Amino acid sequence: MSAPQEELDPKAAHAAAASGSADAPKAPETSADAPLELPGEDLATLLAEAQAKISDYHDQLLRAHAEVENVRRRAQDDVTKARKFGTESFAESLIPVRDSLEAALAQENQTADDWQKGVEATLRQLNTAFERNQMREIAPQPGEVFDPHRHQAISNVPSEHPQGAVAQTLQKGYLIADRVLRPALVMVSSGQS
C-alpha cells in the first residue's frame, strides 16, 4: 500500500509559494512587476521634449489669440471709418448744390425765368449727388399695388383703382442702396364707392 497523502491547506500552499519554498513553483515576473525601461531613451530627455512642445503650443495659442483680437479691432475700425467716410462722401456731393443755391440768392434783379433755370440746374446737381450715393426715389403711380415695405398708408379712399392699390402719392419716399430711408406717403384705394 502506498503512503497516505497529506492534505494541504490551500492557505498554506499559497504561503509556501509566496515565501519561495523549493517545493512551490515560481510564477514568471509580469511586466507590471518589472520597472519600465525604454531602450535607448532617457526619461529625463523625453520629459524635457514634452515640456518644450507644451511651451511651443502655449506660445502658438497666445499668438493666435492676439491675432484674433487684432483682426476684431481692425474690423471695428474699418466699420467706424466706413460710416465716417460714407457720410463724408455724401456731404461732399451736396456742397455744389449749396453753392448753387447761395449763388442764386446772391444775384439781384433776376427774372422769374432766370430763377426757374437756376432751380432746374440745382435740381440736376442734387439728382446727380443722389445717383452717385445710390439714393433713389419711391414714387408709386396711382394703380400700383400697395407695398407696406416701401409705402406708408395715410388713409383709405374710394377710387376707380382696385382695392389695395395706391390711389394717390402724397410724398415721395427714398431708398439708399436698396434700404428704405423714408417710405412714400400714399392714400390707398378702398375700391369703388
N, C-alpha and C. Protein backbone atom coordinates (compact mmCIF):
# COMPACT_ATOMS: atom_id res chain seq x y z
N MET A 1 0.81 -1.15 0.00
CA MET A 1 0.00 0.00 0.00
C MET A 1 0.87 1.23 0.00
N SER A 2 0.36 2.25 -0.60
CA SER A 2 1.18 3.45 -0.71
C SER A 2 1.00 4.32 0.51
N ALA A 3 1.91 5.25 0.67
CA ALA A 3 1.88 6.14 1.83
C ALA A 3 0.71 7.09 1.71
N PRO A 4 0.03 7.39 2.79
CA PRO A 4 -1.11 8.31 2.70
C PRO A 4 -0.65 9.72 2.32
N GLN A 5 -1.44 10.34 1.45
CA GLN A 5 -1.10 11.70 1.00
C GLN A 5 -1.57 12.69 2.05
N GLU A 6 -0.75 13.62 2.30
CA GLU A 6 -1.12 14.66 3.26
C GLU A 6 -2.04 15.67 2.58
N GLU A 7 -3.04 16.03 3.32
CA GLU A 7 -3.91 17.07 2.78
C GLU A 7 -3.28 18.43 3.06
N LEU A 8 -3.18 19.21 2.02
CA LEU A 8 -2.59 20.54 2.16
C LEU A 8 -3.70 21.57 2.28
N ASP A 9 -3.46 22.43 3.21
CA ASP A 9 -4.38 23.55 3.39
C ASP A 9 -4.13 24.53 2.24
N PRO A 10 -5.14 25.02 1.55
CA PRO A 10 -4.91 25.94 0.43
C PRO A 10 -4.18 27.20 0.86
N LYS A 11 -4.42 27.71 2.08
CA LYS A 11 -3.73 28.90 2.56
C LYS A 11 -2.26 28.61 2.75
N ALA A 12 -1.96 27.42 3.26
CA ALA A 12 -0.56 27.05 3.48
C ALA A 12 0.17 26.91 2.17
N ALA A 13 -0.51 26.39 1.14
CA ALA A 13 0.11 26.24 -0.18
C ALA A 13 0.42 27.60 -0.78
N HIS A 14 -0.46 28.54 -0.60
CA HIS A 14 -0.23 29.89 -1.14
C HIS A 14 0.92 30.58 -0.40
N ALA A 15 0.99 30.38 0.92
CA ALA A 15 2.07 30.98 1.71
C ALA A 15 3.41 30.37 1.33
N ALA A 16 3.41 29.10 1.06
CA ALA A 16 4.65 28.44 0.66
C ALA A 16 5.11 28.96 -0.68
N ALA A 17 4.19 29.22 -1.59
CA ALA A 17 4.56 29.72 -2.91
C ALA A 17 5.10 31.14 -2.80
N ALA A 18 4.52 31.92 -1.91
CA ALA A 18 4.95 33.30 -1.76
C ALA A 18 6.31 33.40 -1.10
N SER A 19 6.60 32.47 -0.19
CA SER A 19 7.88 32.55 0.51
C SER A 19 9.01 32.03 -0.34
N GLY A 20 8.67 31.44 -1.43
CA GLY A 20 9.72 30.97 -2.32
C GLY A 20 10.30 29.63 -1.90
N SER A 21 9.47 28.79 -1.31
CA SER A 21 10.00 27.48 -0.93
C SER A 21 10.31 26.69 -2.17
N ALA A 22 11.17 25.77 -2.01
CA ALA A 22 11.66 25.00 -3.14
C ALA A 22 10.57 24.14 -3.72
N ASP A 23 9.61 23.75 -2.89
CA ASP A 23 8.57 22.85 -3.39
C ASP A 23 7.57 23.58 -4.28
N ALA A 24 7.35 24.89 -4.07
CA ALA A 24 6.35 25.65 -4.82
C ALA A 24 6.95 26.16 -6.12
N PRO A 25 6.21 26.00 -7.19
CA PRO A 25 6.72 26.52 -8.47
C PRO A 25 6.69 28.05 -8.47
N LYS A 26 7.66 28.66 -9.13
CA LYS A 26 7.74 30.12 -9.20
C LYS A 26 6.95 30.62 -10.41
N ALA A 27 6.18 31.70 -10.17
CA ALA A 27 5.44 32.34 -11.27
C ALA A 27 6.38 33.30 -11.99
N PRO A 28 6.27 33.37 -13.30
CA PRO A 28 7.14 34.29 -14.03
C PRO A 28 6.78 35.73 -13.67
N GLU A 29 7.78 36.61 -13.67
CA GLU A 29 7.54 38.01 -13.36
C GLU A 29 6.74 38.65 -14.49
N THR A 30 5.77 39.50 -14.11
CA THR A 30 4.96 40.19 -15.12
C THR A 30 5.58 41.56 -15.40
N SER A 31 5.11 42.15 -16.48
CA SER A 31 5.67 43.45 -16.85
C SER A 31 5.31 44.52 -15.83
N ALA A 32 4.22 44.32 -15.07
CA ALA A 32 3.85 45.29 -14.05
C ALA A 32 4.82 45.24 -12.88
N ASP A 33 5.44 44.07 -12.66
CA ASP A 33 6.39 43.93 -11.56
C ASP A 33 7.75 44.52 -11.93
N ALA A 34 8.06 44.55 -13.23
CA ALA A 34 9.37 45.00 -13.67
C ALA A 34 9.35 46.51 -13.89
N PRO A 35 10.45 47.21 -13.66
CA PRO A 35 10.49 48.65 -13.93
C PRO A 35 10.42 48.90 -15.43
N LEU A 36 9.80 50.04 -15.81
CA LEU A 36 9.64 50.40 -17.22
C LEU A 36 10.98 50.86 -17.77
N GLU A 37 11.41 50.16 -18.78
CA GLU A 37 12.67 50.54 -19.42
C GLU A 37 12.43 50.72 -20.90
N LEU A 38 12.83 51.85 -21.44
CA LEU A 38 12.74 52.11 -22.87
C LEU A 38 14.14 52.05 -23.42
N PRO A 39 14.35 51.19 -24.39
CA PRO A 39 15.70 51.06 -24.91
C PRO A 39 16.15 52.32 -25.62
N GLY A 40 17.31 52.80 -25.29
CA GLY A 40 17.96 53.92 -25.97
C GLY A 40 17.37 55.29 -25.65
N GLU A 41 16.39 55.40 -24.79
CA GLU A 41 15.77 56.68 -24.50
C GLU A 41 15.88 56.95 -23.00
N ASP A 42 16.20 58.12 -22.68
CA ASP A 42 16.29 58.53 -21.29
C ASP A 42 15.00 59.25 -20.91
N LEU A 43 14.37 58.90 -19.81
CA LEU A 43 13.10 59.51 -19.41
C LEU A 43 13.22 61.01 -19.19
N ALA A 44 14.33 61.46 -18.68
CA ALA A 44 14.52 62.90 -18.48
C ALA A 44 14.51 63.63 -19.82
N THR A 45 15.09 63.01 -20.85
CA THR A 45 15.10 63.61 -22.18
C THR A 45 13.68 63.69 -22.74
N LEU A 46 12.91 62.60 -22.57
CA LEU A 46 11.53 62.60 -23.05
C LEU A 46 10.70 63.67 -22.34
N LEU A 47 10.90 63.81 -21.04
CA LEU A 47 10.17 64.83 -20.28
C LEU A 47 10.53 66.23 -20.77
N ALA A 48 11.79 66.46 -21.01
CA ALA A 48 12.23 67.78 -21.49
C ALA A 48 11.63 68.09 -22.86
N GLU A 49 11.58 67.08 -23.74
CA GLU A 49 11.00 67.28 -25.08
C GLU A 49 9.50 67.58 -24.97
N ALA A 50 8.80 66.85 -24.11
CA ALA A 50 7.36 67.08 -23.94
C ALA A 50 7.09 68.48 -23.39
N GLN A 51 7.91 68.90 -22.42
CA GLN A 51 7.73 70.23 -21.87
C GLN A 51 8.03 71.31 -22.91
N ALA A 52 9.00 71.06 -23.78
CA ALA A 52 9.32 72.03 -24.84
C ALA A 52 8.15 72.14 -25.82
N LYS A 53 7.52 70.99 -26.16
CA LYS A 53 6.37 71.01 -27.07
C LYS A 53 5.20 71.76 -26.43
N ILE A 54 4.96 71.51 -25.15
CA ILE A 54 3.88 72.20 -24.45
C ILE A 54 4.13 73.70 -24.46
N SER A 55 5.34 74.09 -24.20
CA SER A 55 5.68 75.51 -24.21
C SER A 55 5.46 76.12 -25.59
N ASP A 56 5.85 75.38 -26.63
CA ASP A 56 5.68 75.85 -28.02
C ASP A 56 4.20 75.98 -28.35
N TYR A 57 3.38 75.00 -27.98
CA TYR A 57 1.94 75.05 -28.25
C TYR A 57 1.29 76.21 -27.48
N HIS A 58 1.72 76.43 -26.28
CA HIS A 58 1.18 77.54 -25.48
C HIS A 58 1.51 78.88 -26.15
N ASP A 59 2.73 79.00 -26.64
CA ASP A 59 3.15 80.22 -27.32
C ASP A 59 2.32 80.43 -28.59
N GLN A 60 2.08 79.35 -29.35
CA GLN A 60 1.26 79.45 -30.57
C GLN A 60 -0.17 79.87 -30.22
N LEU A 61 -0.70 79.32 -29.13
CA LEU A 61 -2.05 79.67 -28.70
C LEU A 61 -2.14 81.16 -28.35
N LEU A 62 -1.16 81.66 -27.63
CA LEU A 62 -1.17 83.08 -27.26
C LEU A 62 -1.08 83.97 -28.50
N ARG A 63 -0.24 83.57 -29.46
CA ARG A 63 -0.11 84.36 -30.69
C ARG A 63 -1.41 84.35 -31.49
N ALA A 64 -2.06 83.17 -31.57
CA ALA A 64 -3.32 83.07 -32.31
C ALA A 64 -4.40 83.93 -31.63
N HIS A 65 -4.43 83.90 -30.32
CA HIS A 65 -5.40 84.72 -29.58
C HIS A 65 -5.15 86.21 -29.84
N ALA A 66 -3.90 86.62 -29.83
CA ALA A 66 -3.57 88.02 -30.09
C ALA A 66 -3.94 88.41 -31.52
N GLU A 67 -3.73 87.51 -32.46
CA GLU A 67 -4.06 87.80 -33.86
C GLU A 67 -5.57 87.97 -34.04
N VAL A 68 -6.35 87.10 -33.40
CA VAL A 68 -7.81 87.21 -33.47
C VAL A 68 -8.26 88.55 -32.88
N GLU A 69 -7.68 88.94 -31.78
CA GLU A 69 -8.03 90.22 -31.14
C GLU A 69 -7.67 91.39 -32.06
N ASN A 70 -6.53 91.31 -32.74
CA ASN A 70 -6.13 92.37 -33.67
C ASN A 70 -7.09 92.45 -34.86
N VAL A 71 -7.50 91.30 -35.38
CA VAL A 71 -8.43 91.29 -36.51
C VAL A 71 -9.77 91.89 -36.08
N ARG A 72 -10.25 91.56 -34.87
CA ARG A 72 -11.50 92.12 -34.37
C ARG A 72 -11.41 93.64 -34.25
N ARG A 73 -10.28 94.12 -33.70
CA ARG A 73 -10.10 95.57 -33.54
C ARG A 73 -10.04 96.28 -34.91
N ARG A 74 -9.31 95.66 -35.87
CA ARG A 74 -9.22 96.26 -37.22
C ARG A 74 -10.59 96.31 -37.88
N ALA A 75 -11.40 95.26 -37.70
CA ALA A 75 -12.73 95.24 -38.30
C ALA A 75 -13.60 96.34 -37.70
N GLN A 76 -13.51 96.55 -36.39
CA GLN A 76 -14.27 97.64 -35.76
C GLN A 76 -13.82 98.99 -36.30
N ASP A 77 -12.52 99.18 -36.46
CA ASP A 77 -12.01 100.44 -37.01
C ASP A 77 -12.50 100.64 -38.44
N ASP A 78 -12.52 99.55 -39.24
CA ASP A 78 -12.97 99.66 -40.62
C ASP A 78 -14.44 100.07 -40.69
N VAL A 79 -15.26 99.49 -39.81
CA VAL A 79 -16.69 99.85 -39.80
C VAL A 79 -16.86 101.31 -39.41
N THR A 80 -16.12 101.76 -38.42
CA THR A 80 -16.20 103.16 -37.99
C THR A 80 -15.78 104.09 -39.11
N LYS A 81 -14.67 103.75 -39.78
CA LYS A 81 -14.20 104.59 -40.89
C LYS A 81 -15.18 104.57 -42.05
N ALA A 82 -15.78 103.42 -42.34
CA ALA A 82 -16.73 103.33 -43.45
C ALA A 82 -17.93 104.24 -43.19
N ARG A 83 -18.42 104.24 -41.94
CA ARG A 83 -19.54 105.13 -41.61
C ARG A 83 -19.13 106.59 -41.77
N LYS A 84 -17.96 106.91 -41.23
CA LYS A 84 -17.49 108.29 -41.28
C LYS A 84 -17.30 108.76 -42.72
N PHE A 85 -16.58 107.94 -43.51
CA PHE A 85 -16.28 108.38 -44.87
C PHE A 85 -17.47 108.23 -45.80
N GLY A 86 -18.42 107.34 -45.48
CA GLY A 86 -19.65 107.25 -46.27
C GLY A 86 -20.44 108.54 -46.15
N THR A 87 -20.55 109.05 -44.95
CA THR A 87 -21.23 110.32 -44.72
C THR A 87 -20.45 111.46 -45.37
N GLU A 88 -19.13 111.39 -45.27
CA GLU A 88 -18.29 112.43 -45.86
C GLU A 88 -18.48 112.50 -47.37
N SER A 89 -18.55 111.34 -48.03
CA SER A 89 -18.74 111.30 -49.48
C SER A 89 -20.07 111.92 -49.88
N PHE A 90 -21.11 111.58 -49.13
CA PHE A 90 -22.43 112.14 -49.43
C PHE A 90 -22.44 113.65 -49.21
N ALA A 91 -21.81 114.10 -48.14
CA ALA A 91 -21.74 115.54 -47.86
C ALA A 91 -20.97 116.27 -48.95
N GLU A 92 -19.88 115.69 -49.41
CA GLU A 92 -19.09 116.33 -50.49
C GLU A 92 -19.90 116.49 -51.76
N SER A 93 -20.78 115.52 -52.04
CA SER A 93 -21.58 115.62 -53.26
C SER A 93 -22.70 116.66 -53.13
N LEU A 94 -23.01 117.07 -51.89
CA LEU A 94 -24.05 118.10 -51.68
C LEU A 94 -23.50 119.52 -51.66
N ILE A 95 -22.20 119.66 -51.49
CA ILE A 95 -21.60 121.00 -51.42
C ILE A 95 -21.88 121.83 -52.68
N PRO A 96 -21.74 121.27 -53.91
CA PRO A 96 -22.05 122.08 -55.11
C PRO A 96 -23.51 122.54 -55.15
N VAL A 97 -24.41 121.73 -54.60
CA VAL A 97 -25.83 122.12 -54.56
C VAL A 97 -25.99 123.37 -53.69
N ARG A 98 -25.35 123.35 -52.53
CA ARG A 98 -25.43 124.52 -51.64
C ARG A 98 -24.81 125.74 -52.31
N ASP A 99 -23.66 125.54 -52.98
CA ASP A 99 -23.01 126.66 -53.67
C ASP A 99 -23.94 127.29 -54.70
N SER A 100 -24.65 126.44 -55.44
CA SER A 100 -25.58 126.95 -56.46
C SER A 100 -26.72 127.73 -55.83
N LEU A 101 -27.25 127.22 -54.72
CA LEU A 101 -28.34 127.93 -54.04
C LEU A 101 -27.87 129.28 -53.51
N GLU A 102 -26.68 129.32 -52.93
CA GLU A 102 -26.14 130.59 -52.42
C GLU A 102 -25.89 131.57 -53.56
N ALA A 103 -25.39 131.07 -54.69
CA ALA A 103 -25.15 131.95 -55.84
C ALA A 103 -26.46 132.52 -56.37
N ALA A 104 -27.51 131.69 -56.37
CA ALA A 104 -28.81 132.17 -56.85
C ALA A 104 -29.36 133.27 -55.95
N LEU A 105 -29.18 133.10 -54.65
CA LEU A 105 -29.68 134.12 -53.71
C LEU A 105 -28.85 135.40 -53.78
N ALA A 106 -27.60 135.29 -54.18
CA ALA A 106 -26.73 136.47 -54.25
C ALA A 106 -27.02 137.34 -55.47
N GLN A 107 -27.68 136.77 -56.47
CA GLN A 107 -27.99 137.52 -57.69
C GLN A 107 -29.15 138.50 -57.43
N GLU A 108 -28.97 139.70 -57.90
CA GLU A 108 -30.03 140.70 -57.76
C GLU A 108 -30.72 140.92 -59.11
N ASN A 109 -31.93 141.38 -59.05
CA ASN A 109 -32.69 141.73 -60.24
C ASN A 109 -32.82 140.56 -61.22
N GLN A 110 -33.23 139.39 -60.71
CA GLN A 110 -33.42 138.23 -61.59
C GLN A 110 -34.89 138.13 -61.99
N THR A 111 -35.07 137.66 -63.19
CA THR A 111 -36.43 137.45 -63.65
C THR A 111 -36.91 136.08 -63.16
N ALA A 112 -38.20 135.85 -63.27
CA ALA A 112 -38.78 134.56 -62.87
C ALA A 112 -38.20 133.44 -63.73
N ASP A 113 -37.93 133.75 -65.00
CA ASP A 113 -37.35 132.74 -65.91
C ASP A 113 -35.94 132.38 -65.47
N ASP A 114 -35.15 133.38 -65.06
CA ASP A 114 -33.79 133.10 -64.56
C ASP A 114 -33.83 132.22 -63.31
N TRP A 115 -34.77 132.55 -62.40
CA TRP A 115 -34.92 131.76 -61.18
C TRP A 115 -35.25 130.31 -61.52
N GLN A 116 -36.16 130.12 -62.46
CA GLN A 116 -36.57 128.76 -62.83
C GLN A 116 -35.39 127.99 -63.42
N LYS A 117 -34.63 128.62 -64.30
CA LYS A 117 -33.47 127.94 -64.89
C LYS A 117 -32.44 127.58 -63.82
N GLY A 118 -32.24 128.49 -62.86
CA GLY A 118 -31.28 128.22 -61.79
C GLY A 118 -31.73 127.07 -60.89
N VAL A 119 -33.03 127.06 -60.57
CA VAL A 119 -33.57 125.98 -59.73
C VAL A 119 -33.48 124.64 -60.46
N GLU A 120 -33.78 124.63 -61.75
CA GLU A 120 -33.68 123.38 -62.52
C GLU A 120 -32.24 122.87 -62.56
N ALA A 121 -31.27 123.78 -62.72
CA ALA A 121 -29.86 123.37 -62.73
C ALA A 121 -29.44 122.81 -61.36
N THR A 122 -29.93 123.46 -60.31
CA THR A 122 -29.61 123.00 -58.95
C THR A 122 -30.25 121.63 -58.70
N LEU A 123 -31.46 121.42 -59.17
CA LEU A 123 -32.12 120.12 -59.01
C LEU A 123 -31.35 119.03 -59.76
N ARG A 124 -30.83 119.34 -60.92
CA ARG A 124 -29.99 118.36 -61.66
C ARG A 124 -28.75 118.00 -60.84
N GLN A 125 -28.13 119.01 -60.21
CA GLN A 125 -26.96 118.73 -59.36
C GLN A 125 -27.34 117.82 -58.19
N LEU A 126 -28.49 118.08 -57.59
CA LEU A 126 -28.94 117.27 -56.47
C LEU A 126 -29.24 115.83 -56.91
N ASN A 127 -29.87 115.68 -58.06
CA ASN A 127 -30.14 114.33 -58.59
C ASN A 127 -28.84 113.58 -58.88
N THR A 128 -27.84 114.28 -59.38
CA THR A 128 -26.53 113.65 -59.62
C THR A 128 -25.91 113.19 -58.30
N ALA A 129 -26.01 114.01 -57.27
CA ALA A 129 -25.48 113.63 -55.95
C ALA A 129 -26.22 112.41 -55.41
N PHE A 130 -27.54 112.36 -55.60
CA PHE A 130 -28.31 111.20 -55.14
C PHE A 130 -27.88 109.94 -55.90
N GLU A 131 -27.74 110.05 -57.21
CA GLU A 131 -27.35 108.88 -58.01
C GLU A 131 -25.96 108.37 -57.60
N ARG A 132 -25.04 109.29 -57.39
CA ARG A 132 -23.68 108.91 -57.02
C ARG A 132 -23.66 108.16 -55.68
N ASN A 133 -24.62 108.47 -54.81
CA ASN A 133 -24.68 107.84 -53.49
C ASN A 133 -25.78 106.78 -53.40
N GLN A 134 -26.21 106.27 -54.55
CA GLN A 134 -27.19 105.18 -54.65
C GLN A 134 -28.51 105.48 -53.96
N MET A 135 -28.93 106.72 -54.08
CA MET A 135 -30.20 107.13 -53.48
C MET A 135 -31.23 107.29 -54.59
N ARG A 136 -32.37 106.57 -54.44
CA ARG A 136 -33.41 106.60 -55.48
C ARG A 136 -34.76 106.93 -54.88
N GLU A 137 -35.64 107.46 -55.73
CA GLU A 137 -36.99 107.83 -55.31
C GLU A 137 -37.90 106.61 -55.22
N ILE A 138 -38.86 106.68 -54.31
CA ILE A 138 -40.00 105.76 -54.30
C ILE A 138 -41.20 106.64 -54.61
N ALA A 139 -41.71 106.55 -55.82
CA ALA A 139 -42.84 107.39 -56.24
C ALA A 139 -43.86 106.51 -56.94
N PRO A 140 -44.70 105.79 -56.16
CA PRO A 140 -45.67 104.90 -56.79
C PRO A 140 -46.74 105.68 -57.56
N GLN A 141 -47.09 105.14 -58.70
CA GLN A 141 -48.12 105.75 -59.54
C GLN A 141 -49.49 105.23 -59.11
N PRO A 142 -50.55 106.01 -59.31
CA PRO A 142 -51.89 105.52 -58.98
C PRO A 142 -52.18 104.21 -59.72
N GLY A 143 -52.70 103.23 -58.98
CA GLY A 143 -52.99 101.92 -59.55
C GLY A 143 -51.95 100.87 -59.22
N GLU A 144 -50.75 101.29 -58.77
CA GLU A 144 -49.72 100.32 -58.37
C GLU A 144 -50.14 99.63 -57.07
N VAL A 145 -49.67 98.42 -56.90
CA VAL A 145 -50.00 97.66 -55.69
C VAL A 145 -49.31 98.30 -54.48
N PHE A 146 -50.05 98.42 -53.39
CA PHE A 146 -49.50 98.97 -52.15
C PHE A 146 -48.45 98.00 -51.60
N ASP A 147 -47.25 98.51 -51.30
CA ASP A 147 -46.16 97.71 -50.73
C ASP A 147 -45.86 98.24 -49.33
N PRO A 148 -46.24 97.51 -48.27
CA PRO A 148 -46.04 98.03 -46.92
C PRO A 148 -44.57 98.21 -46.54
N HIS A 149 -43.67 97.60 -47.30
CA HIS A 149 -42.24 97.76 -47.03
C HIS A 149 -41.68 99.07 -47.58
N ARG A 150 -42.38 99.64 -48.58
CA ARG A 150 -41.89 100.86 -49.22
C ARG A 150 -42.88 102.02 -49.13
N HIS A 151 -44.10 101.72 -48.77
CA HIS A 151 -45.14 102.75 -48.72
C HIS A 151 -45.72 102.83 -47.32
N GLN A 152 -46.14 104.04 -46.94
CA GLN A 152 -46.83 104.24 -45.67
C GLN A 152 -48.22 104.77 -46.00
N ALA A 153 -49.25 104.02 -45.62
CA ALA A 153 -50.62 104.41 -45.93
C ALA A 153 -51.10 105.44 -44.91
N ILE A 154 -51.66 106.52 -45.42
CA ILE A 154 -52.21 107.57 -44.57
C ILE A 154 -53.70 107.32 -44.35
N SER A 155 -54.39 106.91 -45.43
CA SER A 155 -55.84 106.65 -45.31
C SER A 155 -56.30 105.80 -46.48
N ASN A 156 -57.52 105.30 -46.35
CA ASN A 156 -58.18 104.57 -47.44
C ASN A 156 -59.21 105.51 -48.05
N VAL A 157 -59.24 105.56 -49.36
CA VAL A 157 -60.21 106.43 -50.05
C VAL A 157 -60.85 105.65 -51.18
N PRO A 158 -62.11 105.93 -51.46
CA PRO A 158 -62.73 105.29 -52.63
C PRO A 158 -62.12 105.86 -53.91
N SER A 159 -61.86 104.98 -54.87
CA SER A 159 -61.30 105.44 -56.16
C SER A 159 -61.62 104.42 -57.23
N GLU A 160 -61.28 104.78 -58.46
CA GLU A 160 -61.53 103.89 -59.60
C GLU A 160 -60.52 102.73 -59.63
N HIS A 161 -59.50 102.77 -58.79
CA HIS A 161 -58.48 101.71 -58.75
C HIS A 161 -58.95 100.56 -57.86
N PRO A 162 -58.43 99.36 -58.08
CA PRO A 162 -58.85 98.22 -57.27
C PRO A 162 -58.46 98.39 -55.80
N GLN A 163 -59.17 97.69 -54.94
CA GLN A 163 -58.91 97.78 -53.51
C GLN A 163 -57.47 97.32 -53.22
N GLY A 164 -56.74 98.07 -52.38
CA GLY A 164 -55.37 97.73 -52.02
C GLY A 164 -54.33 98.34 -52.93
N ALA A 165 -54.77 99.08 -53.96
CA ALA A 165 -53.83 99.75 -54.85
C ALA A 165 -53.60 101.18 -54.36
N VAL A 166 -52.51 101.77 -54.80
CA VAL A 166 -52.22 103.17 -54.46
C VAL A 166 -53.20 104.06 -55.22
N ALA A 167 -53.91 104.92 -54.49
CA ALA A 167 -54.84 105.85 -55.13
C ALA A 167 -54.15 107.17 -55.43
N GLN A 168 -53.27 107.61 -54.51
CA GLN A 168 -52.59 108.89 -54.69
C GLN A 168 -51.31 108.89 -53.86
N THR A 169 -50.24 109.48 -54.42
CA THR A 169 -48.99 109.65 -53.68
C THR A 169 -48.94 111.06 -53.14
N LEU A 170 -48.80 111.18 -51.81
CA LEU A 170 -48.76 112.50 -51.18
C LEU A 170 -47.33 113.01 -51.04
N GLN A 171 -46.38 112.09 -50.82
CA GLN A 171 -44.98 112.48 -50.65
C GLN A 171 -44.10 111.33 -51.13
N LYS A 172 -43.08 111.65 -51.91
CA LYS A 172 -42.15 110.62 -52.39
C LYS A 172 -41.35 110.05 -51.22
N GLY A 173 -40.98 108.80 -51.38
CA GLY A 173 -40.08 108.17 -50.42
C GLY A 173 -38.71 108.02 -51.08
N TYR A 174 -37.76 107.52 -50.31
CA TYR A 174 -36.40 107.36 -50.84
C TYR A 174 -35.77 106.06 -50.36
N LEU A 175 -35.00 105.46 -51.26
CA LEU A 175 -34.17 104.29 -50.97
C LEU A 175 -32.73 104.72 -51.01
N ILE A 176 -31.92 104.14 -50.18
CA ILE A 176 -30.47 104.33 -50.28
C ILE A 176 -29.86 102.94 -50.25
N ALA A 177 -29.27 102.57 -51.38
CA ALA A 177 -28.68 101.23 -51.57
C ALA A 177 -29.70 100.15 -51.22
N ASP A 178 -30.90 100.24 -51.77
CA ASP A 178 -31.99 99.28 -51.60
C ASP A 178 -32.54 99.19 -50.17
N ARG A 179 -32.22 100.14 -49.35
CA ARG A 179 -32.76 100.21 -47.98
C ARG A 179 -33.67 101.43 -47.92
N VAL A 180 -34.85 101.25 -47.33
CA VAL A 180 -35.80 102.35 -47.28
C VAL A 180 -35.30 103.40 -46.30
N LEU A 181 -35.06 104.60 -46.83
CA LEU A 181 -34.65 105.72 -46.00
C LEU A 181 -35.90 106.43 -45.47
N ARG A 182 -36.87 106.60 -46.37
CA ARG A 182 -38.17 107.19 -45.99
C ARG A 182 -39.22 106.56 -46.90
N PRO A 183 -40.28 105.97 -46.31
CA PRO A 183 -41.32 105.39 -47.16
C PRO A 183 -42.14 106.48 -47.84
N ALA A 184 -42.74 106.14 -48.98
CA ALA A 184 -43.62 107.09 -49.66
C ALA A 184 -44.95 107.16 -48.91
N LEU A 185 -45.46 108.37 -48.71
CA LEU A 185 -46.76 108.56 -48.07
C LEU A 185 -47.84 108.46 -49.15
N VAL A 186 -48.75 107.53 -48.97
CA VAL A 186 -49.76 107.28 -50.01
C VAL A 186 -51.15 107.15 -49.40
N MET A 187 -52.15 107.36 -50.27
CA MET A 187 -53.54 107.06 -49.94
C MET A 187 -53.86 105.79 -50.71
N VAL A 188 -54.49 104.84 -50.02
CA VAL A 188 -54.77 103.53 -50.61
C VAL A 188 -56.23 103.45 -51.00
N SER A 189 -56.48 102.82 -52.13
CA SER A 189 -57.84 102.69 -52.64
C SER A 189 -58.61 101.66 -51.83
N SER A 190 -59.85 102.02 -51.50
CA SER A 190 -60.74 101.07 -50.82
C SER A 190 -61.71 100.49 -51.84
N GLY A 191 -61.45 100.71 -53.10
CA GLY A 191 -62.32 100.23 -54.17
C GLY A 191 -63.31 101.32 -54.57
N GLN A 192 -64.18 100.99 -55.51
CA GLN A 192 -65.16 101.98 -55.95
C GLN A 192 -66.27 102.10 -54.93
N SER A 193 -66.76 103.32 -54.77
CA SER A 193 -67.79 103.56 -53.74
C SER A 193 -69.15 103.13 -54.24
